[in-house]
Amino acid sequence: MHFKISPTSGQPIYLQIMQQIRHAIEIGVLRGGDMLPGIRTLAEELVVSHNTVAKAYSELEHAGVLELRHGSGAFVSAHCSPKLSTAKARAAQQKIQSVVAALQKDGFSQDEIRRLFEAQLLQGMPLKESA
């Protein structure tokens, strides 16, 4: 798996790492039992502090996504498996496109829309549908 980070995105790097790992699991690139790069190895590859990678891995361990084994590394938790089927992913993408188009029509910039989505995701609360 190859990680891409954007220091200028305004999003903390550890969150970018977390999102990329979660996404890779959701689409089936990573499966239960797969080993991730070591903390120091990934930190060197991304040219970031090892504390940044450690925080991402620790948060994912706390969420039950990763298992950290001292001396062995980080592994995708055995109960994690792809969550999105192709049809389900397409349906989700269509919903997102619809919301983005509506927000753009309301005058929001791409950056503002991204920040709204990120804020909602960081809250950790599911979106509630209005009646």
Protein backbone atom coordinates (compact mmCIF):
# COMPACT_ATOMS: atom_id res chain seq x y z
CA MET A 1 0.00 0.00 0.00
CA HIS A 2 1.27 3.45 -0.90
CA PHE A 3 0.39 6.42 1.30
CA LYS A 4 -0.04 9.97 0.03
CA ILE A 5 -0.07 12.87 2.43
CA SER A 6 -0.69 16.51 1.78
CA PRO A 7 0.87 18.78 4.40
CA THR A 8 -0.97 21.77 2.90
CA SER A 9 -4.46 20.20 3.03
CA GLY A 10 -5.25 21.65 6.44
CA GLN A 11 -6.00 18.15 7.74
CA PRO A 12 -3.63 16.64 10.32
CA ILE A 13 -1.28 14.08 8.80
CA TYR A 14 -2.22 11.37 11.30
CA LEU A 15 -5.87 11.71 10.17
CA GLN A 16 -4.82 11.41 6.53
CA ILE A 17 -2.99 8.19 7.36
CA MET A 18 -5.97 6.85 9.29
CA GLN A 19 -8.39 7.64 6.47
CA GLN A 20 -6.19 5.98 3.88
CA ILE A 21 -5.92 2.80 5.94
CA ARG A 22 -9.68 2.70 6.58
CA HIS A 23 -10.38 3.30 2.89
CA ALA A 24 -7.97 0.54 1.85
CA ILE A 25 -9.81 -1.86 4.18
CA GLU A 26 -13.23 -0.76 2.91
CA ILE A 27 -12.34 -1.37 -0.72
CA GLY A 28 -10.50 -4.63 -0.02
CA VAL A 29 -6.90 -3.53 -0.66
CA LEU A 30 -6.12 -4.44 2.96
CA ARG A 31 -7.72 -7.46 4.63
CA GLY A 32 -7.75 -8.94 8.10
CA GLY A 33 -4.28 -10.15 9.07
CA ASP A 34 -2.40 -7.98 6.56
CA MET A 35 0.71 -6.34 7.95
CA LEU A 36 1.23 -2.59 7.67
CA PRO A 37 4.61 -0.87 7.43
CA GLY A 38 6.37 -0.39 10.75
CA ILE A 39 5.95 2.97 12.46
CA ARG A 40 9.51 4.10 11.84
CA THR A 41 9.54 2.75 8.28
CA LEU A 42 6.37 4.60 7.34
CA ALA A 43 7.50 7.76 9.12
CA GLU A 44 10.74 7.74 7.11
CA GLU A 45 8.86 7.06 3.86
CA LEU A 46 6.45 9.96 4.47
CA VAL A 47 9.14 12.20 6.02
CA VAL A 48 7.11 12.79 9.16
CA SER A 49 7.69 12.25 12.85
CA HIS A 50 7.32 8.66 14.01
CA ASN A 51 4.97 10.06 16.68
CA THR A 52 2.56 11.06 13.90
CA VAL A 53 2.40 7.52 12.53
CA ALA A 54 2.25 6.07 16.05
CA LYS A 55 -0.75 8.29 16.82
CA ALA A 56 -2.57 7.14 13.66
CA TYR A 57 -1.87 3.48 14.43
CA SER A 58 -2.84 3.92 18.08
CA GLU A 59 -6.14 5.58 17.17
CA LEU A 60 -6.90 2.78 14.71
CA GLU A 61 -6.03 0.18 17.35
CA HIS A 62 -8.39 1.89 19.80
CA ALA A 63 -11.13 1.76 17.13
CA GLY A 64 -10.52 -1.97 16.63
CA VAL A 65 -9.21 -1.56 13.10
CA LEU A 66 -5.59 -2.51 13.81
CA GLU A 67 -3.81 -4.83 16.18
CA LEU A 68 -0.42 -3.59 17.37
CA ARG A 69 1.90 -6.41 18.36
CA HIS A 70 5.05 -5.24 20.09
CA GLY A 71 8.07 -6.52 18.23
CA SER A 72 5.96 -7.79 15.33
CA GLY A 73 4.27 -4.69 13.91
CA ALA A 74 0.81 -3.47 13.01
CA PHE A 75 -1.78 -5.77 11.48
CA VAL A 76 -5.28 -5.24 10.15
CA SER A 77 -7.65 -6.67 12.72
CA ALA A 78 -8.92 -10.13 11.79
CA HIS A 79 -12.55 -9.02 11.96
CA CYS A 80 -12.01 -6.18 9.46
CA SER A 81 -13.11 -6.96 5.96
CA PRO A 82 -14.22 -5.03 2.90
CA LYS A 83 -17.40 -3.21 3.81
CA LEU A 84 -18.37 -1.69 0.51
CA SER A 85 -19.50 -3.78 -2.41
CA THR A 86 -18.98 -2.22 -5.79
CA ALA A 87 -22.70 -1.43 -6.18
CA LYS A 88 -22.83 -0.03 -2.67
CA ALA A 89 -19.76 2.12 -3.33
CA ARG A 90 -21.29 3.46 -6.55
CA ALA A 91 -24.53 4.33 -4.75
CA ALA A 92 -22.59 6.11 -2.02
CA GLN A 93 -20.56 8.00 -4.63
CA GLN A 94 -23.76 9.16 -6.32
CA LYS A 95 -25.12 10.45 -3.01
CA ILE A 96 -21.90 12.35 -2.35
CA GLN A 97 -21.94 13.84 -5.85
CA SER A 98 -25.51 15.00 -5.30
CA VAL A 99 -24.69 16.65 -1.98
CA VAL A 100 -21.56 18.30 -3.38
CA ALA A 101 -23.47 19.63 -6.41
CA ALA A 102 -26.18 21.05 -4.14
CA LEU A 103 -23.62 22.74 -1.89
CA GLN A 104 -21.79 24.19 -4.89
CA LYS A 105 -25.11 25.51 -6.18
CA ASP A 106 -25.56 27.18 -2.77
CA GLY A 107 -22.23 28.95 -3.29
CA PHE A 108 -19.86 26.84 -1.20
CA SER A 109 -16.30 26.41 -2.51
CA GLN A 110 -14.66 23.00 -2.81
CA ASP A 111 -12.49 23.80 0.19
CA GLU A 112 -15.52 24.78 2.29
CA ILE A 113 -17.33 21.59 1.28
CA ARG A 114 -14.29 19.47 2.15
CA ARG A 115 -14.05 21.12 5.56
CA LEU A 116 -17.78 20.52 6.18
CA PHE A 117 -17.41 16.83 5.35
CA GLU A 118 -14.28 16.51 7.48
CA ALA A 119 -15.91 18.29 10.42
CA GLN A 120 -18.85 15.91 10.24
CA LEU A 121 -16.58 12.86 10.07
CA LEU A 122 -14.43 14.09 12.95
CA GLN A 123 -17.49 14.51 15.13
CA GLY A 124 -17.96 10.76 14.89
CA MET A 125 -21.69 11.15 14.79
CA PRO A 126 -23.85 9.71 12.02
CA LEU A 127 -25.72 12.16 9.85
CA LYS A 128 -29.39 12.29 10.75
CA GLU A 129 -31.95 12.39 8.00
CA SER A 130 -34.60 15.04 8.24
CA ALA A 131 -38.22 13.99 8.04
